[in-house]
Amino acid sequence: MNLIVKLYGTLSLSFENYDPTNGLMVEIPDGSSISDLLVHLKISQSRVGMVLIGKHPMKKEEPLFQGGTVKIFQPIFGG
């Protein structure tokens, strides 16, 4: 299946020539989960704060679907 992945914060620094407007086009096997996508992208789960598909927060074990746009945010700290 094909997905568009948009990375926020410092996550995009791991990808040379990352285009924040268009994101990354990623092809992964059907039935893959958010966790599978993170492994495919070589992003440690500890570097991920929140994942959205559209405007909906997703759990890391939830399955992905064809043509979705996945937004991956780093954890946010402050105070």
PDB file of N, CA and C in Angstrom:
ATOM      1  N   MET A   1       0.837  -1.171   0.000  1.00  0.00           N
ATOM      2  CA  MET A   1       0.000   0.000   0.000  1.00  0.00           C
ATOM      3  C   MET A   1       0.883   1.236   0.000  1.00  0.00           C
ATOM      4  N   ASN A   2       0.372   2.315  -0.540  1.00  0.00           N
ATOM      5  CA  ASN A   2       1.094   3.583  -0.596  1.00  0.00           C
ATOM      6  C   ASN A   2       0.501   4.579   0.388  1.00  0.00           C
ATOM      7  N   LEU A   3       1.389   5.281   1.078  1.00  0.00           N
ATOM      8  CA  LEU A   3       0.988   6.289   2.062  1.00  0.00           C
ATOM      9  C   LEU A   3       1.828   7.543   1.864  1.00  0.00           C
ATOM     10  N   ILE A   4       1.304   8.648   2.318  1.00  0.00           N
ATOM     11  CA  ILE A   4       2.098   9.863   2.435  1.00  0.00           C
ATOM     12  C   ILE A   4       2.381  10.040   3.918  1.00  0.00           C
ATOM     13  N   VAL A   5       3.647  10.254   4.249  1.00  0.00           N
ATOM     14  CA  VAL A   5       4.053  10.434   5.637  1.00  0.00           C
ATOM     15  C   VAL A   5       4.622  11.838   5.796  1.00  0.00           C
ATOM     16  N   LYS A   6       4.075  12.581   6.744  1.00  0.00           N
ATOM     17  CA  LYS A   6       4.584  13.917   7.061  1.00  0.00           C
ATOM     18  C   LYS A   6       5.198  13.859   8.455  1.00  0.00           C
ATOM     19  N   LEU A   7       6.399  14.405   8.569  1.00  0.00           N
ATOM     20  CA  LEU A   7       7.154  14.368   9.814  1.00  0.00           C
ATOM     21  C   LEU A   7       7.255  15.766  10.403  1.00  0.00           C
ATOM     22  N   TYR A   8       7.102  15.857  11.709  1.00  0.00           N
ATOM     23  CA  TYR A   8       7.109  17.148  12.385  1.00  0.00           C
ATOM     24  C   TYR A   8       8.201  17.194  13.439  1.00  0.00           C
ATOM     25  N   GLY A   9       8.681  18.403  13.710  1.00  0.00           N
ATOM     26  CA  GLY A   9       9.772  18.581  14.661  1.00  0.00           C
ATOM     27  C   GLY A   9      11.077  18.125  14.035  1.00  0.00           C
ATOM     28  N   THR A  10      11.936  17.556  14.844  1.00  0.00           N
ATOM     29  CA  THR A  10      13.252  17.136  14.352  1.00  0.00           C
ATOM     30  C   THR A  10      13.230  15.793  13.636  1.00  0.00           C
ATOM     31  N   LEU A  11      12.098  15.109  13.581  1.00  0.00           N
ATOM     32  CA  LEU A  11      12.030  13.808  12.910  1.00  0.00           C
ATOM     33  C   LEU A  11      12.441  13.894  11.447  1.00  0.00           C
ATOM     34  N   SER A  12      12.123  14.990  10.803  1.00  0.00           N
ATOM     35  CA  SER A  12      12.428  15.128   9.374  1.00  0.00           C
ATOM     36  C   SER A  12      13.925  15.242   9.101  1.00  0.00           C
ATOM     37  N   LEU A  13      14.722  15.570  10.113  1.00  0.00           N
ATOM     38  CA  LEU A  13      16.162  15.736   9.912  1.00  0.00           C
ATOM     39  C   LEU A  13      16.850  14.420   9.558  1.00  0.00           C
ATOM     40  N   SER A  14      16.202  13.300   9.830  1.00  0.00           N
ATOM     41  CA  SER A  14      16.769  11.982   9.521  1.00  0.00           C
ATOM     42  C   SER A  14      16.643  11.620   8.044  1.00  0.00           C
ATOM     43  N   PHE A  15      15.931  12.428   7.276  1.00  0.00           N
ATOM     44  CA  PHE A  15      15.666  12.118   5.872  1.00  0.00           C
ATOM     45  C   PHE A  15      16.213  13.221   4.985  1.00  0.00           C
ATOM     46  N   GLU A  16      17.254  12.883   4.238  1.00  0.00           N
ATOM     47  CA  GLU A  16      17.870  13.846   3.333  1.00  0.00           C
ATOM     48  C   GLU A  16      16.847  14.281   2.286  1.00  0.00           C
ATOM     49  N   ASN A  17      16.819  15.552   1.994  1.00  0.00           N
ATOM     50  CA  ASN A  17      15.914  16.129   0.993  1.00  0.00           C
ATOM     51  C   ASN A  17      14.438  15.975   1.351  1.00  0.00           C
ATOM     52  N   TYR A  18      14.118  15.872   2.649  1.00  0.00           N
ATOM     53  CA  TYR A  18      12.714  15.783   3.057  1.00  0.00           C
ATOM     54  C   TYR A  18      11.992  17.063   2.657  1.00  0.00           C
ATOM     55  N   ASP A  19      10.837  16.918   2.033  1.00  0.00           N
ATOM     56  CA  ASP A  19      10.019  18.057   1.606  1.00  0.00           C
ATOM     57  C   ASP A  19       8.839  18.195   2.566  1.00  0.00           C
ATOM     58  N   PRO A  20       8.846  19.190   3.466  1.00  0.00           N
ATOM     59  CA  PRO A  20       7.771  19.310   4.452  1.00  0.00           C
ATOM     60  C   PRO A  20       6.398  19.581   3.850  1.00  0.00           C
ATOM     61  N   THR A  21       6.354  20.110   2.650  1.00  0.00           N
ATOM     62  CA  THR A  21       5.065  20.375   2.008  1.00  0.00           C
ATOM     63  C   THR A  21       4.416  19.090   1.509  1.00  0.00           C
ATOM     64  N   ASN A  22       5.204  18.237   0.874  1.00  0.00           N
ATOM     65  CA  ASN A  22       4.663  17.017   0.270  1.00  0.00           C
ATOM     66  C   ASN A  22       4.875  15.770   1.114  1.00  0.00           C
ATOM     67  N   GLY A  23       5.803  15.800   2.065  1.00  0.00           N
ATOM     68  CA  GLY A  23       6.092  14.634   2.882  1.00  0.00           C
ATOM     69  C   GLY A  23       6.830  13.569   2.096  1.00  0.00           C
ATOM     70  N   LEU A  24       6.768  12.340   2.600  1.00  0.00           N
ATOM     71  CA  LEU A  24       7.406  11.190   1.964  1.00  0.00           C
ATOM     72  C   LEU A  24       6.346  10.280   1.381  1.00  0.00           C
ATOM     73  N   MET A  25       6.573   9.743   0.194  1.00  0.00           N
ATOM     74  CA  MET A  25       5.717   8.690  -0.342  1.00  0.00           C
ATOM     75  C   MET A  25       6.348   7.372   0.101  1.00  0.00           C
ATOM     76  N   VAL A  26       5.590   6.559   0.820  1.00  0.00           N
ATOM     77  CA  VAL A  26       6.102   5.316   1.385  1.00  0.00           C
ATOM     78  C   VAL A  26       5.239   4.161   0.887  1.00  0.00           C
ATOM     79  N   GLU A  27       5.896   3.068   0.505  1.00  0.00           N
ATOM     80  CA  GLU A  27       5.186   1.847   0.124  1.00  0.00           C
ATOM     81  C   GLU A  27       5.516   0.779   1.155  1.00  0.00           C
ATOM     82  N   ILE A  28       4.470   0.256   1.814  1.00  0.00           N
ATOM     83  CA  ILE A  28       4.644  -0.808   2.802  1.00  0.00           C
ATOM     84  C   ILE A  28       3.601  -1.886   2.531  1.00  0.00           C
ATOM     85  N   PRO A  29       3.801  -3.098   3.073  1.00  0.00           N
ATOM     86  CA  PRO A  29       2.853  -4.186   2.830  1.00  0.00           C
ATOM     87  C   PRO A  29       1.449  -3.890   3.379  1.00  0.00           C
ATOM     88  N   ASP A  30       0.442  -4.403   2.702  1.00  0.00           N
ATOM     89  CA  ASP A  30      -0.934  -4.301   3.191  1.00  0.00           C
ATOM     90  C   ASP A  30      -1.021  -4.899   4.590  1.00  0.00           C
ATOM     91  N   GLY A  31      -1.855  -4.314   5.422  1.00  0.00           N
ATOM     92  CA  GLY A  31      -2.044  -4.804   6.781  1.00  0.00           C
ATOM     93  C   GLY A  31      -1.011  -4.294   7.772  1.00  0.00           C
ATOM     94  N   SER A  32      -0.105  -3.445   7.335  1.00  0.00           N
ATOM     95  CA  SER A  32       0.920  -2.900   8.230  1.00  0.00           C
ATOM     96  C   SER A  32       0.294  -1.954   9.247  1.00  0.00           C
ATOM     97  N   SER A  33       0.935  -1.875  10.408  1.00  0.00           N
ATOM     98  CA  SER A  33       0.463  -0.990  11.477  1.00  0.00           C
ATOM     99  C   SER A  33       1.364   0.246  11.550  1.00  0.00           C
ATOM    100  N   ILE A  34       0.995   1.158  12.429  1.00  0.00           N
ATOM    101  CA  ILE A  34       1.834   2.332  12.692  1.00  0.00           C
ATOM    102  C   ILE A  34       3.216   1.871  13.142  1.00  0.00           C
ATOM    103  N   SER A  35       3.273   0.878  14.027  1.00  0.00           N
ATOM    104  CA  SER A  35       4.566   0.360  14.492  1.00  0.00           C
ATOM    105  C   SER A  35       5.399  -0.170  13.331  1.00  0.00           C
ATOM    106  N   ASP A  36       4.767  -0.891  12.408  1.00  0.00           N
ATOM    107  CA  ASP A  36       5.475  -1.404  11.225  1.00  0.00           C
ATOM    108  C   ASP A  36       6.032  -0.256  10.390  1.00  0.00           C
ATOM    109  N   LEU A  37       5.254   0.810  10.252  1.00  0.00           N
ATOM    110  CA  LEU A  37       5.696   1.975   9.493  1.00  0.00           C
ATOM    111  C   LEU A  37       6.919   2.612  10.151  1.00  0.00           C
ATOM    112  N   LEU A  38       6.901   2.729  11.478  1.00  0.00           N
ATOM    113  CA  LEU A  38       8.036   3.315  12.186  1.00  0.00           C
ATOM    114  C   LEU A  38       9.294   2.475  11.992  1.00  0.00           C
ATOM    115  N   VAL A  39       9.159   1.157  12.026  1.00  0.00           N
ATOM    116  CA  VAL A  39      10.300   0.275  11.771  1.00  0.00           C
ATOM    117  C   VAL A  39      10.792   0.483  10.344  1.00  0.00           C
ATOM    118  N   HIS A  40       9.875   0.539   9.387  1.00  0.00           N
ATOM    119  CA  HIS A  40      10.237   0.754   7.979  1.00  0.00           C
ATOM    120  C   HIS A  40      11.009   2.058   7.803  1.00  0.00           C
ATOM    121  N   LEU A  41      10.599   3.103   8.505  1.00  0.00           N
ATOM    122  CA  LEU A  41      11.245   4.411   8.405  1.00  0.00           C
ATOM    123  C   LEU A  41      12.486   4.534   9.304  1.00  0.00           C
ATOM    124  N   LYS A  42      12.731   3.502  10.114  1.00  0.00           N
ATOM    125  CA  LYS A  42      13.854   3.493  11.061  1.00  0.00           C
ATOM    126  C   LYS A  42      13.742   4.639  12.061  1.00  0.00           C
ATOM    127  N   ILE A  43      12.507   4.848  12.553  1.00  0.00           N
ATOM    128  CA  ILE A  43      12.242   5.851  13.582  1.00  0.00           C
ATOM    129  C   ILE A  43      11.925   5.103  14.876  1.00  0.00           C
ATOM    130  N   SER A  44      12.721   5.335  15.907  1.00  0.00           N
ATOM    131  CA  SER A  44      12.495   4.702  17.196  1.00  0.00           C
ATOM    132  C   SER A  44      11.167   5.183  17.784  1.00  0.00           C
ATOM    133  N   GLN A  45      10.418   4.259  18.377  1.00  0.00           N
ATOM    134  CA  GLN A  45       9.134   4.643  18.970  1.00  0.00           C
ATOM    135  C   GLN A  45       9.314   5.659  20.090  1.00  0.00           C
ATOM    136  N   SER A  46      10.492   5.690  20.703  1.00  0.00           N
ATOM    137  CA  SER A  46      10.737   6.669  21.769  1.00  0.00           C
ATOM    138  C   SER A  46      10.847   8.093  21.223  1.00  0.00           C
ATOM    139  N   ARG A  47      11.041   8.232  19.913  1.00  0.00           N
ATOM    140  CA  ARG A  47      11.121   9.561  19.287  1.00  0.00           C
ATOM    141  C   ARG A  47       9.763  10.056  18.820  1.00  0.00           C
ATOM    142  N   VAL A  48       8.710   9.250  19.033  1.00  0.00           N
ATOM    143  CA  VAL A  48       7.378   9.591  18.531  1.00  0.00           C
ATOM    144  C   VAL A  48       6.458   9.935  19.690  1.00  0.00           C
ATOM    145  N   GLY A  49       5.832  11.112  19.591  1.00  0.00           N
ATOM    146  CA  GLY A  49       4.884  11.533  20.612  1.00  0.00           C
ATOM    147  C   GLY A  49       3.454  11.215  20.233  1.00  0.00           C
ATOM    148  N   MET A  50       3.088  11.489  18.977  1.00  0.00           N
ATOM    149  CA  MET A  50       1.712  11.301  18.527  1.00  0.00           C
ATOM    150  C   MET A  50       1.704  11.008  17.032  1.00  0.00           C
ATOM    151  N   VAL A  51       0.754  10.182  16.626  1.00  0.00           N
ATOM    152  CA  VAL A  51       0.559   9.866  15.209  1.00  0.00           C
ATOM    153  C   VAL A  51      -0.899  10.143  14.868  1.00  0.00           C
ATOM    154  N   LEU A  52      -1.107  10.882  13.794  1.00  0.00           N
ATOM    155  CA  LEU A  52      -2.466  11.176  13.316  1.00  0.00           C
ATOM    156  C   LEU A  52      -2.630  10.648  11.896  1.00  0.00           C
ATOM    157  N   ILE A  53      -3.828  10.191  11.608  1.00  0.00           N
ATOM    158  CA  ILE A  53      -4.230   9.957  10.220  1.00  0.00           C
ATOM    159  C   ILE A  53      -5.421  10.877  10.022  1.00  0.00           C
ATOM    160  N   GLY A  54      -5.237  11.837   9.119  1.00  0.00           N
ATOM    161  CA  GLY A  54      -6.220  12.914   9.012  1.00  0.00           C
ATOM    162  C   GLY A  54      -6.146  13.718  10.301  1.00  0.00           C
ATOM    163  N   LYS A  55      -7.262  13.828  10.990  1.00  0.00           N
ATOM    164  CA  LYS A  55      -7.296  14.556  12.268  1.00  0.00           C
ATOM    165  C   LYS A  55      -7.451  13.611  13.448  1.00  0.00           C
ATOM    166  N   HIS A  56      -7.344  12.297  13.188  1.00  0.00           N
ATOM    167  CA  HIS A  56      -7.620  11.294  14.209  1.00  0.00           C
ATOM    168  C   HIS A  56      -6.343  10.718  14.807  1.00  0.00           C
ATOM    169  N   PRO A  57      -6.176  10.810  16.139  1.00  0.00           N
ATOM    170  CA  PRO A  57      -5.021  10.189  16.789  1.00  0.00           C
ATOM    171  C   PRO A  57      -5.085   8.670  16.618  1.00  0.00           C
ATOM    172  N   MET A  58      -3.927   8.072  16.399  1.00  0.00           N
ATOM    173  CA  MET A  58      -3.857   6.627  16.176  1.00  0.00           C
ATOM    174  C   MET A  58      -2.936   5.987  17.209  1.00  0.00           C
ATOM    175  N   LYS A  59      -3.282   4.762  17.615  1.00  0.00           N
ATOM    176  CA  LYS A  59      -2.406   3.972  18.470  1.00  0.00           C
ATOM    177  C   LYS A  59      -1.425   3.241  17.562  1.00  0.00           C
ATOM    178  N   LYS A  60      -0.261   2.944  18.096  1.00  0.00           N
ATOM    179  CA  LYS A  60       0.803   2.376  17.275  1.00  0.00           C
ATOM    180  C   LYS A  60       0.486   0.985  16.734  1.00  0.00           C
ATOM    181  N   GLU A  61      -0.445   0.271  17.348  1.00  0.00           N
ATOM    182  CA  GLU A  61      -0.797  -1.071  16.855  1.00  0.00           C
ATOM    183  C   GLU A  61      -1.930  -1.042  15.827  1.00  0.00           C
ATOM    184  N   GLU A  62      -2.525   0.104  15.582  1.00  0.00           N
ATOM    185  CA  GLU A  62      -3.637   0.189  14.633  1.00  0.00           C
ATOM    186  C   GLU A  62      -3.159   0.021  13.193  1.00  0.00           C
ATOM    187  N   PRO A  63      -3.979  -0.635  12.371  1.00  0.00           N
ATOM    188  CA  PRO A  63      -3.584  -0.837  10.969  1.00  0.00           C
ATOM    189  C   PRO A  63      -3.713   0.439  10.147  1.00  0.00           C
ATOM    190  N   LEU A  64      -2.886   0.513   9.138  1.00  0.00           N
ATOM    191  CA  LEU A  64      -2.916   1.629   8.191  1.00  0.00           C
ATOM    192  C   LEU A  64      -3.808   1.260   7.011  1.00  0.00           C
ATOM    193  N   PHE A  65      -4.145   2.250   6.182  1.00  0.00           N
ATOM    194  CA  PHE A  65      -4.954   1.962   4.995  1.00  0.00           C
ATOM    195  C   PHE A  65      -4.403   2.720   3.802  1.00  0.00           C
ATOM    196  N   GLN A  66      -4.661   2.176   2.640  1.00  0.00           N
ATOM    197  CA  GLN A  66      -4.172   2.710   1.363  1.00  0.00           C
ATOM    198  C   GLN A  66      -4.537   4.174   1.198  1.00  0.00           C
ATOM    199  N   GLY A  67      -3.563   4.965   0.785  1.00  0.00           N
ATOM    200  CA  GLY A  67      -3.818   6.352   0.425  1.00  0.00           C
ATOM    201  C   GLY A  67      -3.938   7.322   1.579  1.00  0.00           C
ATOM    202  N   GLY A  68      -3.734   6.855   2.796  1.00  0.00           N
ATOM    203  CA  GLY A  68      -3.835   7.758   3.936  1.00  0.00           C
ATOM    204  C   GLY A  68      -2.631   8.673   4.052  1.00  0.00           C
ATOM    205  N   THR A  69      -2.829   9.794   4.750  1.00  0.00           N
ATOM    206  CA  THR A  69      -1.719  10.675   5.089  1.00  0.00           C
ATOM    207  C   THR A  69      -1.460  10.522   6.577  1.00  0.00           C
ATOM    208  N   VAL A  70      -0.256  10.067   6.899  1.00  0.00           N
ATOM    209  CA  VAL A  70       0.137   9.818   8.279  1.00  0.00           C
ATOM    210  C   VAL A  70       1.003  10.982   8.741  1.00  0.00           C
ATOM    211  N   LYS A  71       0.628  11.587   9.854  1.00  0.00           N
ATOM    212  CA  LYS A  71       1.396  12.693  10.430  1.00  0.00           C
ATOM    213  C   LYS A  71       2.052  12.178  11.704  1.00  0.00           C
ATOM    214  N   ILE A  72       3.387  12.270  11.754  1.00  0.00           N
ATOM    215  CA  ILE A  72       4.135  11.766  12.909  1.00  0.00           C
ATOM    216  C   ILE A  72       4.795  12.962  13.601  1.00  0.00           C
ATOM    217  N   PHE A  73       4.459  13.108  14.889  1.00  0.00           N
ATOM    218  CA  PHE A  73       4.972  14.223  15.690  1.00  0.00           C
ATOM    219  C   PHE A  73       5.948  13.711  16.739  1.00  0.00           C
ATOM    220  N   GLN A  74       7.000  14.472  16.974  1.00  0.00           N
ATOM    221  CA  GLN A  74       7.927  14.138  18.058  1.00  0.00           C
ATOM    222  C   GLN A  74       7.276  14.494  19.380  1.00  0.00           C
ATOM    223  N   PRO A  75       7.752  13.930  20.486  1.00  0.00           N
ATOM    224  CA  PRO A  75       7.232  14.340  21.792  1.00  0.00           C
ATOM    225  C   PRO A  75       7.515  15.826  22.029  1.00  0.00           C
ATOM    226  N   ILE A  76       6.626  16.475  22.728  1.00  0.00           N
ATOM    227  CA  ILE A  76       6.799  17.893  23.032  1.00  0.00           C
ATOM    228  C   ILE A  76       7.040  18.036  24.531  1.00  0.00           C
ATOM    229  N   PHE A  77       8.077  18.782  24.866  1.00  0.00           N
ATOM    230  CA  PHE A  77       8.421  19.004  26.272  1.00  0.00           C
ATOM    231  C   PHE A  77       8.420  20.500  26.540  1.00  0.00           C
ATOM    232  N   GLY A  78       8.289  20.842  27.757  1.00  0.00           N
ATOM    233  CA  GLY A  78       8.362  22.257  28.108  1.00  0.00           C
ATOM    234  C   GLY A  78       7.626  22.514  29.412  1.00  0.00           C
ATOM    235  N   GLY A  79       7.573  23.750  29.740  1.00  0.00           N
ATOM    236  CA  GLY A  79       6.861  24.027  30.970  1.00  0.00           C
ATOM    237  C   GLY A  79       6.942  25.467  31.354  1.00  0.00           C
TER     238      GLY A  79
END
